[in-house]
Amino acid sequence: MHVQKVRDLLTEARLYVLVNGGESPDRFACLVRGLVEAGVHVLQLRDKHLPDRELVARARLLRQLTRDSTTLAIVNDRPDIARLSAADGVHVGQDELSVADCRAVVGPDRLIGVSTHSVVQARQAVLDGADYLGCGPTFPSATKQFANFPGLAFLRALRPELPVPAFAIGGIQPANVARVLDSGFRRIAVGAAVTAASDPTAAARSLLELLQPSC
């Protein structure tokens, strides 16, 4: 995908969904197809358990299934796999490779996202050259444990000075999306709220409706 198109899609993105590699390539493909069909703006492959060869294969499958769509494909933590799979970018946390080191691997045209848990971290990520931010955790999460929750106060403090797209993340569900929107954020990243739903495609569509700009 052309770099300008990728950046335009990121600018317009509101719903970012994290998915694991699934029980099999077929199950993974079924989930991804449904989420692409629903219109999810960004899909991130995040799997801490798959062996590297399988993770590369899943990343390539994600790329294949999103290539002719408006859904961006991101790989968690692994700039090498992002490059090998021709993904649109990589997302890293505070303990993973720096933005500079990621850039050295993925090159100038792929996106780099950074997880941030404070205004100081968010400012530093922007200075380091991050293309977008994950900001949280906003609420307790079913998929990741944190000792402290920066919460909505973090979102409200950060919102006035955001020069790059930023996604609120952590425990976001349909029942609390309104609280995120009230903070001034218009982008969210979710995992279980979609992937653990009985119908992930329908769950994604419901969240997209909640994120529609008000007239």
N, C-alpha and C. Protein backbone atom coordinates (compact mmCIF):
# COMPACT_ATOMS: atom_id res chain seq x y z
N MET A 1 0.84 -1.19 0.00
CA MET A 1 0.00 0.00 0.00
C MET A 1 0.88 1.25 0.00
N HIS A 2 0.52 2.23 -0.80
CA HIS A 2 1.31 3.46 -0.90
C HIS A 2 1.36 4.16 0.45
N VAL A 3 2.54 4.72 0.77
CA VAL A 3 2.75 5.29 2.09
C VAL A 3 1.77 6.41 2.41
N GLN A 4 1.42 7.23 1.43
CA GLN A 4 0.48 8.32 1.70
C GLN A 4 -0.91 7.78 1.99
N LYS A 5 -1.30 6.73 1.28
CA LYS A 5 -2.60 6.12 1.56
C LYS A 5 -2.63 5.55 2.97
N VAL A 6 -1.52 4.90 3.36
CA VAL A 6 -1.43 4.35 4.72
C VAL A 6 -1.61 5.46 5.75
N ARG A 7 -0.95 6.55 5.56
CA ARG A 7 -1.03 7.65 6.53
C ARG A 7 -2.41 8.31 6.50
N ASP A 8 -3.03 8.37 5.35
CA ASP A 8 -4.39 8.91 5.27
C ASP A 8 -5.37 7.99 6.01
N LEU A 9 -5.20 6.69 5.84
CA LEU A 9 -6.08 5.74 6.54
C LEU A 9 -5.88 5.84 8.05
N LEU A 10 -4.65 6.01 8.49
CA LEU A 10 -4.39 6.17 9.92
C LEU A 10 -5.08 7.42 10.46
N THR A 11 -5.00 8.50 9.72
CA THR A 11 -5.62 9.75 10.16
C THR A 11 -7.12 9.59 10.34
N GLU A 12 -7.74 8.78 9.49
CA GLU A 12 -9.18 8.59 9.53
C GLU A 12 -9.61 7.48 10.48
N ALA A 13 -8.66 6.70 10.98
CA ALA A 13 -8.99 5.51 11.78
C ALA A 13 -9.61 5.85 13.12
N ARG A 14 -10.62 5.08 13.50
CA ARG A 14 -11.26 5.23 14.81
C ARG A 14 -11.26 3.92 15.61
N LEU A 15 -11.37 2.79 14.92
CA LEU A 15 -11.43 1.51 15.63
C LEU A 15 -10.23 0.64 15.27
N TYR A 16 -9.49 0.27 16.32
CA TYR A 16 -8.25 -0.52 16.21
C TYR A 16 -8.50 -1.79 17.03
N VAL A 17 -8.38 -2.94 16.41
CA VAL A 17 -8.67 -4.21 17.08
C VAL A 17 -7.42 -5.08 17.14
N LEU A 18 -7.11 -5.57 18.35
CA LEU A 18 -5.99 -6.47 18.55
C LEU A 18 -6.49 -7.91 18.48
N VAL A 19 -5.81 -8.72 17.67
CA VAL A 19 -6.20 -10.12 17.50
C VAL A 19 -4.98 -11.01 17.75
N ASN A 20 -5.23 -12.21 18.30
CA ASN A 20 -4.13 -13.17 18.41
C ASN A 20 -4.15 -14.09 17.20
N GLY A 21 -3.23 -15.03 17.18
CA GLY A 21 -3.07 -15.86 16.00
C GLY A 21 -4.13 -16.92 15.82
N GLY A 22 -4.97 -17.11 16.83
CA GLY A 22 -6.04 -18.08 16.72
C GLY A 22 -5.57 -19.52 16.85
N GLU A 23 -6.54 -20.41 16.87
CA GLU A 23 -6.24 -21.84 17.04
C GLU A 23 -5.65 -22.46 15.78
N SER A 24 -5.90 -21.83 14.64
CA SER A 24 -5.41 -22.35 13.37
C SER A 24 -5.41 -21.22 12.36
N PRO A 25 -4.68 -21.38 11.26
CA PRO A 25 -4.73 -20.35 10.22
C PRO A 25 -6.15 -20.11 9.70
N ASP A 26 -6.94 -21.18 9.60
CA ASP A 26 -8.31 -21.03 9.10
C ASP A 26 -9.16 -20.21 10.06
N ARG A 27 -9.04 -20.47 11.35
CA ARG A 27 -9.82 -19.71 12.34
C ARG A 27 -9.39 -18.25 12.34
N PHE A 28 -8.09 -18.03 12.24
CA PHE A 28 -7.56 -16.67 12.18
C PHE A 28 -8.10 -15.95 10.95
N ALA A 29 -8.05 -16.62 9.81
CA ALA A 29 -8.52 -16.00 8.57
C ALA A 29 -10.00 -15.67 8.64
N CYS A 30 -10.79 -16.55 9.26
CA CYS A 30 -12.22 -16.31 9.39
C CYS A 30 -12.48 -15.05 10.21
N LEU A 31 -11.77 -14.91 11.32
CA LEU A 31 -11.93 -13.73 12.17
C LEU A 31 -11.52 -12.47 11.41
N VAL A 32 -10.36 -12.51 10.78
CA VAL A 32 -9.86 -11.32 10.09
C VAL A 32 -10.80 -10.91 8.95
N ARG A 33 -11.26 -11.88 8.18
CA ARG A 33 -12.18 -11.55 7.09
C ARG A 33 -13.43 -10.84 7.62
N GLY A 34 -13.97 -11.34 8.72
CA GLY A 34 -15.16 -10.73 9.28
C GLY A 34 -14.92 -9.31 9.75
N LEU A 35 -13.76 -9.07 10.34
CA LEU A 35 -13.45 -7.73 10.85
C LEU A 35 -13.16 -6.75 9.72
N VAL A 36 -12.51 -7.24 8.68
CA VAL A 36 -12.30 -6.39 7.50
C VAL A 36 -13.65 -6.05 6.87
N GLU A 37 -14.51 -7.05 6.77
CA GLU A 37 -15.85 -6.82 6.21
C GLU A 37 -16.64 -5.81 7.04
N ALA A 38 -16.45 -5.85 8.35
CA ALA A 38 -17.15 -4.93 9.24
C ALA A 38 -16.67 -3.49 9.08
N GLY A 39 -15.45 -3.33 8.56
CA GLY A 39 -14.91 -2.00 8.37
C GLY A 39 -13.95 -1.55 9.44
N VAL A 40 -13.39 -2.50 10.21
CA VAL A 40 -12.39 -2.15 11.23
C VAL A 40 -11.23 -1.43 10.54
N HIS A 41 -10.77 -0.36 11.15
CA HIS A 41 -9.77 0.48 10.50
C HIS A 41 -8.34 -0.04 10.64
N VAL A 42 -8.04 -0.66 11.79
CA VAL A 42 -6.69 -1.18 12.04
C VAL A 42 -6.81 -2.53 12.72
N LEU A 43 -6.04 -3.50 12.24
CA LEU A 43 -5.94 -4.80 12.90
C LEU A 43 -4.48 -5.03 13.30
N GLN A 44 -4.29 -5.35 14.58
CA GLN A 44 -2.94 -5.62 15.07
C GLN A 44 -2.83 -7.09 15.47
N LEU A 45 -1.85 -7.77 14.92
CA LEU A 45 -1.55 -9.15 15.33
C LEU A 45 -0.68 -9.11 16.58
N ARG A 46 -1.27 -9.57 17.68
CA ARG A 46 -0.55 -9.61 18.95
C ARG A 46 -0.66 -11.02 19.52
N ASP A 47 0.45 -11.75 19.49
CA ASP A 47 0.44 -13.13 19.99
C ASP A 47 1.79 -13.43 20.63
N LYS A 48 1.76 -13.67 21.93
CA LYS A 48 2.99 -13.90 22.69
C LYS A 48 3.40 -15.38 22.72
N HIS A 49 2.59 -16.25 22.11
CA HIS A 49 2.82 -17.68 22.27
C HIS A 49 3.20 -18.42 20.99
N LEU A 50 2.83 -17.91 19.85
CA LEU A 50 3.15 -18.60 18.61
C LEU A 50 4.65 -18.62 18.35
N PRO A 51 5.21 -19.75 17.89
CA PRO A 51 6.61 -19.77 17.45
C PRO A 51 6.81 -18.78 16.30
N ASP A 52 8.02 -18.32 16.13
CA ASP A 52 8.30 -17.28 15.14
C ASP A 52 7.82 -17.64 13.73
N ARG A 53 8.03 -18.87 13.32
CA ARG A 53 7.64 -19.23 11.95
C ARG A 53 6.13 -19.13 11.77
N GLU A 54 5.37 -19.56 12.78
CA GLU A 54 3.92 -19.45 12.70
C GLU A 54 3.47 -18.00 12.78
N LEU A 55 4.19 -17.22 13.59
CA LEU A 55 3.83 -15.80 13.71
C LEU A 55 4.05 -15.08 12.38
N VAL A 56 5.14 -15.39 11.72
CA VAL A 56 5.39 -14.81 10.39
C VAL A 56 4.28 -15.23 9.42
N ALA A 57 3.90 -16.49 9.48
CA ALA A 57 2.85 -16.97 8.57
C ALA A 57 1.53 -16.26 8.84
N ARG A 58 1.20 -16.05 10.12
CA ARG A 58 -0.05 -15.33 10.45
C ARG A 58 0.03 -13.88 9.99
N ALA A 59 1.19 -13.27 10.18
CA ALA A 59 1.35 -11.87 9.76
C ALA A 59 1.20 -11.75 8.24
N ARG A 60 1.73 -12.71 7.51
CA ARG A 60 1.59 -12.69 6.06
C ARG A 60 0.14 -12.92 5.65
N LEU A 61 -0.54 -13.77 6.39
CA LEU A 61 -1.95 -14.01 6.13
C LEU A 61 -2.77 -12.75 6.41
N LEU A 62 -2.45 -12.07 7.50
CA LEU A 62 -3.12 -10.80 7.81
C LEU A 62 -2.90 -9.80 6.67
N ARG A 63 -1.67 -9.72 6.19
CA ARG A 63 -1.37 -8.82 5.08
C ARG A 63 -2.18 -9.18 3.84
N GLN A 64 -2.23 -10.47 3.54
CA GLN A 64 -2.97 -10.94 2.36
C GLN A 64 -4.45 -10.57 2.45
N LEU A 65 -5.03 -10.72 3.63
CA LEU A 65 -6.47 -10.50 3.80
C LEU A 65 -6.85 -9.03 3.89
N THR A 66 -5.87 -8.17 4.14
CA THR A 66 -6.16 -6.73 4.25
C THR A 66 -5.65 -5.94 3.04
N ARG A 67 -4.91 -6.59 2.18
CA ARG A 67 -4.19 -5.86 1.12
C ARG A 67 -5.11 -5.01 0.25
N ASP A 68 -6.25 -5.51 -0.13
CA ASP A 68 -7.14 -4.77 -1.03
C ASP A 68 -8.28 -4.09 -0.28
N SER A 69 -8.05 -3.79 0.99
CA SER A 69 -9.08 -3.18 1.82
C SER A 69 -8.59 -1.84 2.35
N THR A 70 -9.41 -1.23 3.19
CA THR A 70 -9.01 0.00 3.87
C THR A 70 -8.61 -0.28 5.31
N THR A 71 -8.33 -1.55 5.64
CA THR A 71 -7.90 -1.94 6.97
C THR A 71 -6.38 -2.03 7.02
N LEU A 72 -5.77 -1.31 7.94
CA LEU A 72 -4.32 -1.36 8.11
C LEU A 72 -3.92 -2.61 8.88
N ALA A 73 -2.77 -3.18 8.53
CA ALA A 73 -2.24 -4.37 9.18
C ALA A 73 -1.00 -4.00 9.98
N ILE A 74 -1.05 -4.26 11.30
CA ILE A 74 0.05 -3.91 12.21
C ILE A 74 0.51 -5.17 12.94
N VAL A 75 1.80 -5.28 13.19
CA VAL A 75 2.37 -6.39 13.96
C VAL A 75 2.85 -5.85 15.30
N ASN A 76 2.53 -6.55 16.36
CA ASN A 76 2.93 -6.13 17.70
C ASN A 76 4.38 -6.54 17.99
N ASP A 77 5.14 -5.60 18.53
CA ASP A 77 6.47 -5.84 19.11
C ASP A 77 7.60 -6.18 18.14
N ARG A 78 7.28 -6.72 16.96
CA ARG A 78 8.30 -7.32 16.11
C ARG A 78 8.46 -6.58 14.78
N PRO A 79 9.37 -5.58 14.75
CA PRO A 79 9.59 -4.88 13.48
C PRO A 79 10.14 -5.79 12.39
N ASP A 80 10.88 -6.82 12.79
CA ASP A 80 11.40 -7.76 11.78
C ASP A 80 10.26 -8.48 11.07
N ILE A 81 9.27 -8.92 11.85
CA ILE A 81 8.14 -9.65 11.26
C ILE A 81 7.24 -8.68 10.48
N ALA A 82 7.12 -7.45 10.97
CA ALA A 82 6.36 -6.45 10.21
C ALA A 82 6.96 -6.26 8.83
N ARG A 83 8.28 -6.21 8.77
CA ARG A 83 8.94 -6.01 7.47
C ARG A 83 8.83 -7.27 6.60
N LEU A 84 9.06 -8.43 7.20
CA LEU A 84 8.99 -9.67 6.43
C LEU A 84 7.61 -9.91 5.83
N SER A 85 6.58 -9.49 6.55
CA SER A 85 5.21 -9.72 6.11
C SER A 85 4.66 -8.59 5.26
N ALA A 86 5.45 -7.53 5.09
CA ALA A 86 4.99 -6.34 4.36
C ALA A 86 3.78 -5.69 5.03
N ALA A 87 3.73 -5.78 6.36
CA ALA A 87 2.66 -5.13 7.12
C ALA A 87 2.79 -3.61 6.99
N ASP A 88 1.72 -2.92 7.39
CA ASP A 88 1.74 -1.46 7.32
C ASP A 88 2.53 -0.83 8.45
N GLY A 89 2.81 -1.61 9.50
CA GLY A 89 3.56 -1.02 10.60
C GLY A 89 3.77 -1.97 11.75
N VAL A 90 4.37 -1.44 12.80
CA VAL A 90 4.67 -2.19 14.01
C VAL A 90 4.26 -1.36 15.22
N HIS A 91 3.84 -2.04 16.27
CA HIS A 91 3.49 -1.34 17.51
C HIS A 91 4.34 -1.89 18.64
N VAL A 92 4.94 -1.00 19.43
CA VAL A 92 5.82 -1.42 20.52
C VAL A 92 5.40 -0.76 21.83
N GLY A 93 5.80 -1.41 22.92
CA GLY A 93 5.55 -0.87 24.25
C GLY A 93 6.76 -0.16 24.79
N GLN A 94 6.68 0.20 26.08
CA GLN A 94 7.77 0.94 26.70
C GLN A 94 9.02 0.10 26.91
N ASP A 95 8.87 -1.22 26.90
CA ASP A 95 10.02 -2.10 27.15
C ASP A 95 10.56 -2.76 25.89
N GLU A 96 9.93 -2.49 24.75
CA GLU A 96 10.39 -3.08 23.51
C GLU A 96 11.40 -2.14 22.82
N LEU A 97 11.71 -2.43 21.57
CA LEU A 97 12.66 -1.62 20.83
C LEU A 97 12.20 -0.16 20.76
N SER A 98 13.17 0.74 20.73
CA SER A 98 12.87 2.16 20.61
C SER A 98 12.32 2.47 19.22
N VAL A 99 11.72 3.65 19.09
CA VAL A 99 11.23 4.08 17.78
C VAL A 99 12.39 4.11 16.78
N ALA A 100 13.53 4.62 17.19
CA ALA A 100 14.69 4.71 16.28
C ALA A 100 15.14 3.33 15.81
N ASP A 101 15.18 2.37 16.73
CA ASP A 101 15.60 1.03 16.35
C ASP A 101 14.56 0.36 15.46
N CYS A 102 13.28 0.59 15.75
CA CYS A 102 12.23 0.06 14.88
C CYS A 102 12.35 0.66 13.48
N ARG A 103 12.59 1.96 13.43
CA ARG A 103 12.69 2.63 12.13
C ARG A 103 13.85 2.07 11.31
N ALA A 104 14.94 1.72 11.99
CA ALA A 104 16.09 1.15 11.30
C ALA A 104 15.74 -0.19 10.65
N VAL A 105 14.77 -0.89 11.23
CA VAL A 105 14.36 -2.19 10.69
C VAL A 105 13.28 -2.04 9.63
N VAL A 106 12.23 -1.27 9.93
CA VAL A 106 11.08 -1.23 9.03
C VAL A 106 11.21 -0.19 7.93
N GLY A 107 12.15 0.74 8.07
CA GLY A 107 12.33 1.77 7.05
C GLY A 107 11.42 2.97 7.26
N PRO A 108 11.48 3.93 6.37
CA PRO A 108 10.78 5.20 6.56
C PRO A 108 9.29 5.17 6.24
N ASP A 109 8.83 4.13 5.54
CA ASP A 109 7.47 4.16 5.01
C ASP A 109 6.44 3.42 5.86
N ARG A 110 6.88 2.67 6.86
CA ARG A 110 5.92 1.95 7.69
C ARG A 110 5.62 2.73 8.97
N LEU A 111 4.44 2.48 9.49
CA LEU A 111 4.00 3.15 10.71
C LEU A 111 4.66 2.54 11.94
N ILE A 112 4.92 3.37 12.93
CA ILE A 112 5.38 2.89 14.24
C ILE A 112 4.47 3.48 15.30
N GLY A 113 3.84 2.60 16.05
CA GLY A 113 2.99 3.02 17.16
C GLY A 113 3.65 2.68 18.48
N VAL A 114 3.34 3.46 19.51
CA VAL A 114 3.96 3.26 20.82
C VAL A 114 2.88 3.30 21.90
N SER A 115 2.92 2.33 22.81
CA SER A 115 2.03 2.33 23.97
C SER A 115 2.56 3.30 25.01
N THR A 116 1.68 4.15 25.53
CA THR A 116 2.08 5.13 26.54
C THR A 116 1.11 5.10 27.71
N HIS A 117 1.65 5.38 28.90
CA HIS A 117 0.86 5.30 30.12
C HIS A 117 0.91 6.58 30.94
N SER A 118 1.53 7.61 30.38
CA SER A 118 1.61 8.90 31.05
C SER A 118 1.81 9.99 30.00
N VAL A 119 1.55 11.23 30.39
CA VAL A 119 1.76 12.34 29.47
C VAL A 119 3.23 12.45 29.10
N VAL A 120 4.12 12.20 30.06
CA VAL A 120 5.56 12.26 29.78
C VAL A 120 5.95 11.24 28.72
N GLN A 121 5.45 10.01 28.85
CA GLN A 121 5.76 8.98 27.86
C GLN A 121 5.18 9.33 26.50
N ALA A 122 3.99 9.89 26.47
CA ALA A 122 3.36 10.25 25.20
C ALA A 122 4.17 11.35 24.51
N ARG A 123 4.57 12.35 25.26
CA ARG A 123 5.37 13.43 24.68
C ARG A 123 6.69 12.88 24.12
N GLN A 124 7.32 11.97 24.87
CA GLN A 124 8.59 11.43 24.42
C GLN A 124 8.42 10.59 23.16
N ALA A 125 7.35 9.81 23.10
CA ALA A 125 7.11 8.99 21.91
C ALA A 125 6.95 9.86 20.67
N VAL A 126 6.25 10.98 20.83
CA VAL A 126 6.08 11.90 19.70
C VAL A 126 7.42 12.49 19.29
N LEU A 127 8.20 12.92 20.27
CA LEU A 127 9.53 13.46 19.98
C LEU A 127 10.42 12.43 19.29
N ASP A 128 10.25 11.15 19.67
CA ASP A 128 11.05 10.08 19.08
C ASP A 128 10.63 9.75 17.65
N GLY A 129 9.46 10.24 17.25
CA GLY A 129 9.02 10.01 15.88
C GLY A 129 7.92 8.99 15.71
N ALA A 130 7.20 8.66 16.79
CA ALA A 130 6.08 7.73 16.67
C ALA A 130 5.01 8.31 15.74
N ASP A 131 4.40 7.45 14.94
CA ASP A 131 3.34 7.87 14.03
C ASP A 131 1.98 7.91 14.72
N TYR A 132 1.81 7.09 15.75
CA TYR A 132 0.56 7.10 16.51
C TYR A 132 0.83 6.54 17.90
N LEU A 133 -0.13 6.76 18.81
CA LEU A 133 0.03 6.34 20.19
C LEU A 133 -1.13 5.43 20.62
N GLY A 134 -0.83 4.52 21.53
CA GLY A 134 -1.84 3.83 22.31
C GLY A 134 -1.78 4.43 23.70
N CYS A 135 -2.91 4.83 24.26
CA CYS A 135 -2.93 5.56 25.53
C CYS A 135 -3.81 4.84 26.54
N GLY A 136 -3.22 4.42 27.65
CA GLY A 136 -4.00 3.70 28.64
C GLY A 136 -3.10 3.07 29.69
N PRO A 137 -3.62 2.11 30.43
CA PRO A 137 -4.97 1.57 30.27
C PRO A 137 -6.04 2.50 30.83
N THR A 138 -7.15 2.52 30.12
CA THR A 138 -8.25 3.39 30.49
C THR A 138 -9.11 2.77 31.59
N PHE A 139 -9.42 1.48 31.44
CA PHE A 139 -10.20 0.72 32.42
C PHE A 139 -9.50 -0.62 32.62
N PRO A 140 -9.83 -1.35 33.68
CA PRO A 140 -9.26 -2.69 33.85
C PRO A 140 -9.55 -3.55 32.61
N SER A 141 -8.55 -4.32 32.20
CA SER A 141 -8.65 -5.08 30.97
C SER A 141 -8.76 -6.58 31.24
N ALA A 142 -9.50 -7.25 30.36
CA ALA A 142 -9.63 -8.71 30.48
C ALA A 142 -8.42 -9.43 29.90
N THR A 143 -7.59 -8.74 29.13
CA THR A 143 -6.50 -9.40 28.43
C THR A 143 -5.12 -9.01 28.92
N LYS A 144 -5.01 -7.95 29.71
CA LYS A 144 -3.70 -7.51 30.16
C LYS A 144 -3.82 -6.90 31.55
N GLN A 145 -2.88 -7.25 32.43
CA GLN A 145 -2.94 -6.80 33.81
C GLN A 145 -2.00 -5.62 34.06
N PHE A 146 -2.50 -4.61 34.77
CA PHE A 146 -1.70 -3.45 35.16
C PHE A 146 -1.93 -3.17 36.64
N ALA A 147 -0.88 -2.69 37.30
CA ALA A 147 -1.02 -2.34 38.72
C ALA A 147 -1.73 -1.01 38.89
N ASN A 148 -1.53 -0.10 37.93
CA ASN A 148 -2.13 1.23 38.02
C ASN A 148 -2.87 1.55 36.72
N PHE A 149 -3.88 2.41 36.86
CA PHE A 149 -4.67 2.79 35.70
C PHE A 149 -4.66 4.30 35.53
N PRO A 150 -3.94 4.81 34.52
CA PRO A 150 -3.97 6.24 34.27
C PRO A 150 -5.38 6.75 34.02
N GLY A 151 -6.20 5.90 33.38
CA GLY A 151 -7.62 6.16 33.25
C GLY A 151 -7.99 7.36 32.40
N LEU A 152 -9.22 7.81 32.61
CA LEU A 152 -9.76 8.91 31.82
C LEU A 152 -9.04 10.21 32.08
N ALA A 153 -8.47 10.37 33.28
CA ALA A 153 -7.73 11.60 33.58
C ALA A 153 -6.53 11.76 32.65
N PHE A 154 -5.87 10.65 32.34
CA PHE A 154 -4.75 10.67 31.40
C PHE A 154 -5.22 11.12 30.02
N LEU A 155 -6.34 10.58 29.55
CA LEU A 155 -6.86 10.97 28.25
C LEU A 155 -7.20 12.45 28.21
N ARG A 156 -7.85 12.92 29.26
CA ARG A 156 -8.24 14.34 29.30
C ARG A 156 -7.01 15.25 29.33
N ALA A 157 -5.98 14.84 30.06
CA ALA A 157 -4.76 15.66 30.15
C ALA A 157 -4.00 15.68 28.83
N LEU A 158 -4.04 14.57 28.11
CA LEU A 158 -3.26 14.45 26.88
C LEU A 158 -3.96 15.05 25.68
N ARG A 159 -5.28 15.01 25.67
CA ARG A 159 -6.04 15.38 24.48
C ARG A 159 -5.67 16.74 23.89
N PRO A 160 -5.48 17.79 24.66
CA PRO A 160 -5.22 19.10 24.05
C PRO A 160 -3.90 19.21 23.30
N GLU A 161 -2.98 18.28 23.52
CA GLU A 161 -1.66 18.44 22.91
C GLU A 161 -1.27 17.28 22.01
N LEU A 162 -2.24 16.62 21.40
CA LEU A 162 -1.95 15.46 20.57
C LEU A 162 -1.64 15.86 19.13
N PRO A 163 -0.39 15.72 18.69
CA PRO A 163 -0.04 16.04 17.30
C PRO A 163 -0.13 14.83 16.37
N VAL A 164 -0.36 13.64 16.93
CA VAL A 164 -0.48 12.42 16.12
C VAL A 164 -1.73 11.67 16.55
N PRO A 165 -2.26 10.78 15.71
CA PRO A 165 -3.42 9.99 16.12
C PRO A 165 -3.13 9.19 17.39
N ALA A 166 -4.11 9.12 18.27
CA ALA A 166 -3.94 8.41 19.54
C ALA A 166 -5.20 7.62 19.85
N PHE A 167 -5.01 6.38 20.27
CA PHE A 167 -6.11 5.46 20.54
C PHE A 167 -6.16 5.17 22.04
N ALA A 168 -7.31 5.41 22.66
CA ALA A 168 -7.51 4.98 24.04
C ALA A 168 -7.60 3.47 24.06
N ILE A 169 -6.98 2.84 25.06
CA ILE A 169 -6.95 1.38 25.12
C ILE A 169 -7.06 0.92 26.55
N GLY A 170 -7.58 -0.28 26.72
CA GLY A 170 -7.65 -0.89 28.04
C GLY A 170 -9.06 -0.99 28.57
N GLY A 171 -9.65 -2.18 28.48
CA GLY A 171 -10.95 -2.43 29.09
C GLY A 171 -12.11 -1.69 28.46
N ILE A 172 -11.95 -1.22 27.24
CA ILE A 172 -13.03 -0.45 26.60
C ILE A 172 -14.08 -1.41 26.04
N GLN A 173 -15.33 -1.14 26.39
CA GLN A 173 -16.48 -1.93 25.99
C GLN A 173 -17.58 -0.99 25.48
N PRO A 174 -18.59 -1.53 24.81
CA PRO A 174 -19.69 -0.66 24.38
C PRO A 174 -20.28 0.17 25.51
N ALA A 175 -20.32 -0.40 26.72
CA ALA A 175 -20.94 0.29 27.85
C ALA A 175 -20.15 1.50 28.33
N ASN A 176 -18.86 1.57 28.03
CA ASN A 176 -18.07 2.71 28.52
C ASN A 176 -17.45 3.56 27.42
N VAL A 177 -17.79 3.27 26.16
CA VAL A 177 -17.25 4.08 25.06
C VAL A 177 -17.63 5.55 25.22
N ALA A 178 -18.85 5.80 25.68
CA ALA A 178 -19.30 7.19 25.84
C ALA A 178 -18.40 7.97 26.79
N ARG A 179 -17.88 7.29 27.82
CA ARG A 179 -16.99 7.97 28.77
C ARG A 179 -15.66 8.33 28.08
N VAL A 180 -15.20 7.47 27.20
CA VAL A 180 -13.99 7.78 26.44
C VAL A 180 -14.24 8.97 25.53
N LEU A 181 -15.35 8.97 24.83
CA LEU A 181 -15.67 10.07 23.93
C LEU A 181 -15.81 11.38 24.70
N ASP A 182 -16.34 11.31 25.90
CA ASP A 182 -16.49 12.51 26.74
C ASP A 182 -15.13 13.10 27.12
N SER A 183 -14.09 12.26 27.12
CA SER A 183 -12.75 12.74 27.47
C SER A 183 -12.13 13.54 26.33
N GLY A 184 -12.73 13.46 25.15
CA GLY A 184 -12.19 14.14 23.99
C GLY A 184 -11.52 13.22 22.99
N PHE A 185 -11.29 11.96 23.37
CA PHE A 185 -10.71 10.99 22.44
C PHE A 185 -11.79 10.49 21.49
N ARG A 186 -11.40 10.25 20.25
CA ARG A 186 -12.33 9.75 19.24
C ARG A 186 -11.86 8.44 18.63
N ARG A 187 -10.78 7.90 19.17
CA ARG A 187 -10.23 6.64 18.67
C ARG A 187 -10.06 5.67 19.81
N ILE A 188 -10.40 4.40 19.57
CA ILE A 188 -10.23 3.39 20.62
C ILE A 188 -9.55 2.15 20.04
N ALA A 189 -8.85 1.43 20.91
CA ALA A 189 -8.27 0.13 20.58
C ALA A 189 -8.86 -0.89 21.55
N VAL A 190 -9.30 -2.00 21.01
CA VAL A 190 -9.95 -3.03 21.83
C VAL A 190 -9.44 -4.41 21.43
N GLY A 191 -9.60 -5.35 22.34
CA GLY A 191 -9.30 -6.74 22.05
C GLY A 191 -10.52 -7.59 22.31
N ALA A 192 -10.70 -7.99 23.58
CA ALA A 192 -11.76 -8.91 23.95
C ALA A 192 -13.15 -8.38 23.63
N ALA A 193 -13.35 -7.08 23.65
CA ALA A 193 -14.67 -6.52 23.36
C ALA A 193 -15.17 -6.96 21.99
N VAL A 194 -14.24 -7.27 21.10
CA VAL A 194 -14.60 -7.77 19.78
C VAL A 194 -14.30 -9.25 19.65
N THR A 195 -13.06 -9.65 19.95
CA THR A 195 -12.64 -11.03 19.64
C THR A 195 -13.30 -12.07 20.53
N ALA A 196 -13.71 -11.68 21.75
CA ALA A 196 -14.37 -12.64 22.64
C ALA A 196 -15.89 -12.61 22.51
N ALA A 197 -16.40 -11.77 21.64
CA ALA A 197 -17.84 -11.69 21.43
C ALA A 197 -18.32 -12.92 20.67
N SER A 198 -19.59 -13.27 20.85
CA SER A 198 -20.13 -14.43 20.14
C SER A 198 -20.14 -14.19 18.63
N ASP A 199 -20.26 -12.92 18.23
CA ASP A 199 -20.21 -12.55 16.83
C ASP A 199 -19.26 -11.35 16.70
N PRO A 200 -17.96 -11.61 16.50
CA PRO A 200 -16.99 -10.51 16.44
C PRO A 200 -17.30 -9.47 15.37
N THR A 201 -17.80 -9.91 14.23
CA THR A 201 -18.12 -8.96 13.16
C THR A 201 -19.21 -7.99 13.61
N ALA A 202 -20.24 -8.50 14.22
CA ALA A 202 -21.33 -7.65 14.71
C ALA A 202 -20.85 -6.75 15.83
N ALA A 203 -19.98 -7.27 16.70
CA ALA A 203 -19.44 -6.45 17.80
C ALA A 203 -18.63 -5.29 17.25
N ALA A 204 -17.85 -5.54 16.22
CA ALA A 204 -17.06 -4.47 15.61
C ALA A 204 -17.97 -3.43 14.97
N ARG A 205 -19.00 -3.88 14.29
CA ARG A 205 -19.93 -2.93 13.67
C ARG A 205 -20.61 -2.06 14.73
N SER A 206 -20.97 -2.65 15.84
CA SER A 206 -21.62 -1.89 16.92
C SER A 206 -20.69 -0.79 17.45
N LEU A 207 -19.42 -1.15 17.65
CA LEU A 207 -18.45 -0.15 18.13
C LEU A 207 -18.24 0.95 17.09
N LEU A 208 -18.19 0.58 15.84
CA LEU A 208 -18.02 1.60 14.79
C LEU A 208 -19.18 2.58 14.78
N GLU A 209 -20.38 2.08 15.03
CA GLU A 209 -21.54 2.97 15.09
C GLU A 209 -21.40 3.95 16.26
N LEU A 210 -20.94 3.46 17.38
CA LEU A 210 -20.77 4.33 18.55
C LEU A 210 -19.70 5.39 18.32
N LEU A 211 -18.75 5.11 17.44
CA LEU A 211 -17.65 6.03 17.17
C LEU A 211 -17.94 7.01 16.05
N GLN A 212 -19.10 6.89 15.44
CA GLN A 212 -19.44 7.82 14.36
C GLN A 212 -19.49 9.25 14.88
N PRO A 213 -18.94 10.20 14.13
CA PRO A 213 -19.01 11.59 14.56
C PRO A 213 -20.46 12.04 14.70
N SER A 214 -20.74 12.80 15.74
CA SER A 214 -22.08 13.33 15.94
C SER A 214 -22.30 14.51 15.01
N CYS A 215 -23.51 14.65 14.54
CA CYS A 215 -23.83 15.74 13.61
C CYS A 215 -24.02 17.06 14.36
